[in-house]
Amino acid sequence: MSHTLGIRQAQKQKTRQALLDAALGLLEEQSLSSLGLREVTREVGVAPTAFYRHFRSTADLGVALVEEALGSLHPMIRKIVTSAGDSDLRIERAVELIARHVDTHPAHVRFIARERHGGVQSVRKAIQGQLAQFAEEVKVALTKDPVSRGWGDDDLLMLANLYVDQMLMTASLFLDALEEPQEERERVAQVATRQMRLISIGREHWLD
């Protein structure tokens, strides 16, 4: 009996993931607010009623996509903020990691970029919640850095949010340059590096 239940659970998970993948593909060309569940189920080849075994609505599916899309960013964020080396080297590594993530997960990056200010409130809130979690992770890492000695908690969180916003903006710029010549991608990297350096310089002199 347990074996049969295991097979059913695996099939259920497979169908759920297929719905997520289909929705993500359809959202390459439209916003979540215009996506119909029948479009998604038709893409997967299941009846519309099957959708409700996995999600309450397309908004609920969108929240699951947020968790999937931004969940993959946590390891990258941790790697960026804990990397060794001087400030310039860490910034270069950060830009490289962001570019690589965009190359690997372009559909996820496009979804977040579009829906961060989109028309589905629950999805906007889910994105905001994930970004707040990123900022807390960055703040904890910044607290351990000697440069942050004497900083208050509010200022550290403000700085963390600056870094998170900059990472998102950099990801969006790399996304726009995906189909562009290599020279354009290099230009994006140079601009992103300069912008992060500007934040770092301001950080060094904040308490002056």
Protein backbone atom coordinates (compact mmCIF):
# COMPACT_ATOMS: atom_id res chain seq x y z
CA MET A 1 0.00 0.00 0.00
CA SER A 2 2.78 2.43 0.92
CA HIS A 3 4.44 1.71 -2.42
CA THR A 4 1.21 2.63 -4.25
CA LEU A 5 0.89 5.83 -2.20
CA GLY A 6 4.50 6.69 -3.04
CA ILE A 7 3.84 6.29 -6.75
CA ARG A 8 0.70 8.46 -6.51
CA GLN A 9 2.55 11.14 -4.58
CA ALA A 10 5.37 11.14 -7.12
CA GLN A 11 2.86 11.46 -9.98
CA LYS A 12 1.09 14.29 -8.17
CA GLN A 13 4.37 16.12 -7.70
CA LYS A 14 5.25 15.53 -11.35
CA THR A 15 1.95 17.05 -12.49
CA ARG A 16 2.37 20.01 -10.14
CA GLN A 17 5.83 20.70 -11.51
CA ALA A 18 4.54 20.35 -15.07
CA LEU A 19 1.90 23.02 -14.32
CA LEU A 20 4.58 25.33 -12.90
CA ASP A 21 6.85 24.78 -15.90
CA ALA A 22 4.01 25.34 -18.35
CA ALA A 23 2.94 28.55 -16.62
CA LEU A 24 6.51 29.83 -16.56
CA GLY A 25 6.79 29.21 -20.30
CA LEU A 26 3.51 30.97 -21.02
CA LEU A 27 4.56 33.92 -18.85
CA GLU A 28 7.48 34.60 -21.16
CA GLU A 29 5.00 36.53 -23.32
CA GLN A 30 2.37 37.78 -20.86
CA SER A 31 1.76 38.85 -17.27
CA LEU A 32 0.32 36.59 -14.59
CA SER A 33 -2.85 38.70 -14.33
CA SER A 34 -3.73 37.78 -17.94
CA LEU A 35 -2.89 34.07 -17.61
CA GLY A 36 -5.84 31.65 -17.62
CA LEU A 37 -5.71 28.30 -15.89
CA ARG A 38 -7.16 26.64 -19.01
CA GLU A 39 -4.10 27.82 -20.94
CA VAL A 40 -1.87 26.14 -18.39
CA THR A 41 -3.79 22.86 -18.21
CA ARG A 42 -4.04 22.69 -22.01
CA GLU A 43 -0.26 23.04 -22.19
CA VAL A 44 0.20 20.15 -19.75
CA GLY A 45 -2.57 18.01 -21.26
CA VAL A 46 -4.74 17.66 -18.15
CA ALA A 47 -8.36 18.63 -17.45
CA PRO A 48 -8.94 22.12 -15.97
CA THR A 49 -10.37 20.51 -12.82
CA ALA A 50 -6.96 18.87 -12.23
CA PHE A 51 -5.48 22.32 -11.69
CA TYR A 52 -7.36 22.69 -8.39
CA ARG A 53 -5.74 19.58 -6.95
CA HIS A 54 -2.51 21.56 -6.85
CA PHE A 55 -3.37 25.29 -6.71
CA ARG A 56 -6.33 27.32 -5.52
CA SER A 57 -5.95 29.86 -8.34
CA THR A 58 -3.45 31.25 -10.85
CA ALA A 59 -2.42 33.71 -8.10
CA ASP A 60 -1.60 30.73 -5.84
CA LEU A 61 0.40 29.22 -8.69
CA GLY A 62 2.20 32.56 -9.05
CA VAL A 63 3.22 32.50 -5.37
CA ALA A 64 4.63 29.00 -5.89
CA LEU A 65 6.59 30.32 -8.87
CA VAL A 66 8.00 33.10 -6.69
CA GLU A 67 9.21 30.52 -4.17
CA GLU A 68 10.75 28.46 -6.96
CA ALA A 69 12.35 31.43 -8.73
CA LEU A 70 13.77 33.24 -5.72
CA GLY A 71 14.50 30.10 -3.74
CA SER A 72 17.24 29.33 -6.24
CA LEU A 73 18.82 32.71 -5.46
CA HIS A 74 19.55 32.05 -1.78
CA PRO A 75 22.74 30.03 -2.40
CA MET A 76 23.97 32.71 -4.82
CA ILE A 77 23.28 35.53 -2.34
CA ARG A 78 25.11 33.66 0.42
CA LYS A 79 28.05 33.00 -1.89
CA ILE A 80 28.26 36.67 -2.86
CA VAL A 81 28.15 38.09 0.65
CA THR A 82 30.52 35.52 2.20
CA SER A 83 33.16 35.48 -0.57
CA ALA A 84 36.72 36.27 0.45
CA GLY A 85 39.03 38.88 -1.05
CA ASP A 86 39.12 42.65 -1.17
CA SER A 87 36.09 44.77 -2.05
CA ASP A 88 36.81 45.05 -5.79
CA LEU A 89 37.39 41.30 -6.15
CA ARG A 90 34.17 40.50 -4.29
CA ILE A 91 32.22 42.88 -6.52
CA GLU A 92 33.65 41.29 -9.68
CA ARG A 93 32.69 37.85 -8.40
CA ALA A 94 29.20 39.08 -7.53
CA VAL A 95 28.63 40.44 -11.05
CA GLU A 96 29.93 37.19 -12.57
CA LEU A 97 27.59 35.11 -10.38
CA ILE A 98 24.58 37.25 -11.29
CA ALA A 99 25.37 36.97 -15.01
CA ARG A 100 25.70 33.19 -14.69
CA HIS A 101 22.40 32.93 -12.81
CA VAL A 102 20.60 34.89 -15.54
CA ASP A 103 22.10 32.61 -18.20
CA THR A 104 20.87 29.56 -16.27
CA HIS A 105 17.43 30.81 -15.16
CA PRO A 106 16.28 33.50 -17.63
CA ALA A 107 12.58 32.64 -17.37
CA HIS A 108 12.63 32.89 -13.58
CA VAL A 109 14.45 36.23 -13.69
CA ARG A 110 11.99 37.58 -16.27
CA PHE A 111 9.01 36.45 -14.18
CA ILE A 112 10.28 38.21 -11.04
CA ALA A 113 11.23 41.37 -12.95
CA ARG A 114 7.73 41.58 -14.46
CA GLU A 115 5.65 40.56 -11.44
CA ARG A 116 7.56 42.53 -8.78
CA HIS A 117 5.34 45.48 -9.66
CA GLY A 118 2.61 43.46 -11.38
CA GLY A 119 -1.13 43.34 -10.87
CA VAL A 120 -1.40 40.30 -8.58
CA GLN A 121 -1.16 41.47 -4.98
CA SER A 122 -0.37 38.10 -3.37
CA VAL A 123 2.52 37.60 -5.80
CA ARG A 124 3.87 41.10 -5.16
CA LYS A 125 3.76 40.39 -1.43
CA ALA A 126 5.49 37.04 -1.89
CA ILE A 127 8.29 38.73 -3.84
CA GLN A 128 8.60 41.46 -1.21
CA GLY A 129 8.81 38.80 1.51
CA GLN A 130 11.58 36.93 -0.29
CA LEU A 131 13.53 40.14 -0.92
CA ALA A 132 13.19 41.08 2.75
CA GLN A 133 14.63 37.69 3.64
CA PHE A 134 17.55 38.30 1.25
CA ALA A 135 18.17 41.67 2.90
CA GLU A 136 18.26 40.04 6.33
CA GLU A 137 20.79 37.46 5.09
CA VAL A 138 22.97 40.21 3.64
CA LYS A 139 22.65 42.28 6.83
CA VAL A 140 23.87 39.36 8.95
CA ALA A 141 26.89 38.98 6.67
CA LEU A 142 27.60 42.73 6.75
CA THR A 143 27.48 42.71 10.56
CA LYS A 144 30.47 40.34 10.62
CA ASP A 145 32.53 42.58 8.33
CA PRO A 146 35.03 44.86 10.19
CA VAL A 147 33.99 47.77 7.93
CA SER A 148 30.58 47.68 9.63
CA ARG A 149 31.97 48.31 13.11
CA GLY A 150 29.90 51.04 14.79
CA TRP A 151 26.96 50.76 12.37
CA GLY A 152 23.42 50.70 13.73
CA ASP A 153 20.94 47.96 12.80
CA ASP A 154 18.78 50.31 10.70
CA ASP A 155 21.75 51.51 8.66
CA LEU A 156 22.96 47.95 8.09
CA LEU A 157 19.51 46.95 6.84
CA MET A 158 19.40 50.01 4.58
CA LEU A 159 22.76 49.02 3.10
CA ALA A 160 21.64 45.40 2.70
CA ASN A 161 18.57 46.56 0.78
CA LEU A 162 20.78 48.71 -1.46
CA TYR A 163 22.85 45.65 -2.35
CA VAL A 164 19.77 43.48 -2.96
CA ASP A 165 18.17 46.13 -5.18
CA GLN A 166 21.41 46.50 -7.10
CA MET A 167 21.64 42.74 -7.64
CA LEU A 168 18.08 42.66 -9.00
CA MET A 169 18.70 45.60 -11.30
CA THR A 170 21.91 43.99 -12.55
CA ALA A 171 20.05 40.73 -13.23
CA SER A 172 17.42 42.64 -15.24
CA LEU A 173 20.10 44.36 -17.30
CA PHE A 174 21.82 41.06 -18.05
CA LEU A 175 18.43 39.62 -19.00
CA ASP A 176 17.86 42.44 -21.50
CA ALA A 177 21.32 41.76 -22.96
CA LEU A 178 20.89 37.98 -23.33
CA GLU A 179 20.46 38.15 -27.10
CA GLU A 180 22.87 41.04 -27.55
CA PRO A 181 26.51 40.80 -28.73
CA GLN A 182 29.17 39.98 -26.15
CA GLU A 183 30.29 43.62 -26.14
CA GLU A 184 26.90 44.67 -24.71
CA ARG A 185 27.09 42.05 -21.96
CA GLU A 186 30.56 43.30 -21.08
CA ARG A 187 29.23 46.86 -20.95
CA VAL A 188 26.47 45.75 -18.55
CA ALA A 189 29.08 44.07 -16.36
CA GLN A 190 31.23 47.20 -16.32
CA VAL A 191 28.30 49.46 -15.38
CA ALA A 192 27.13 47.06 -12.65
CA THR A 193 30.65 46.84 -11.24
CA ARG A 194 30.98 50.62 -11.09
CA GLN A 195 27.60 50.98 -9.40
CA MET A 196 28.47 48.41 -6.73
CA ARG A 197 31.81 50.10 -6.17
CA LEU A 198 30.01 53.39 -5.62
CA ILE A 199 27.87 51.75 -2.92
CA SER A 200 31.02 50.31 -1.31
CA ILE A 201 32.79 53.68 -1.32
CA GLY A 202 29.78 55.30 0.33
CA ARG A 203 29.76 52.51 2.91
CA GLU A 204 33.41 53.14 3.83
CA HIS A 205 32.71 56.81 4.55
CA TRP A 206 29.18 56.59 6.00
CA LEU A 207 30.31 57.22 9.58
CA ASP A 208 32.81 60.00 8.71
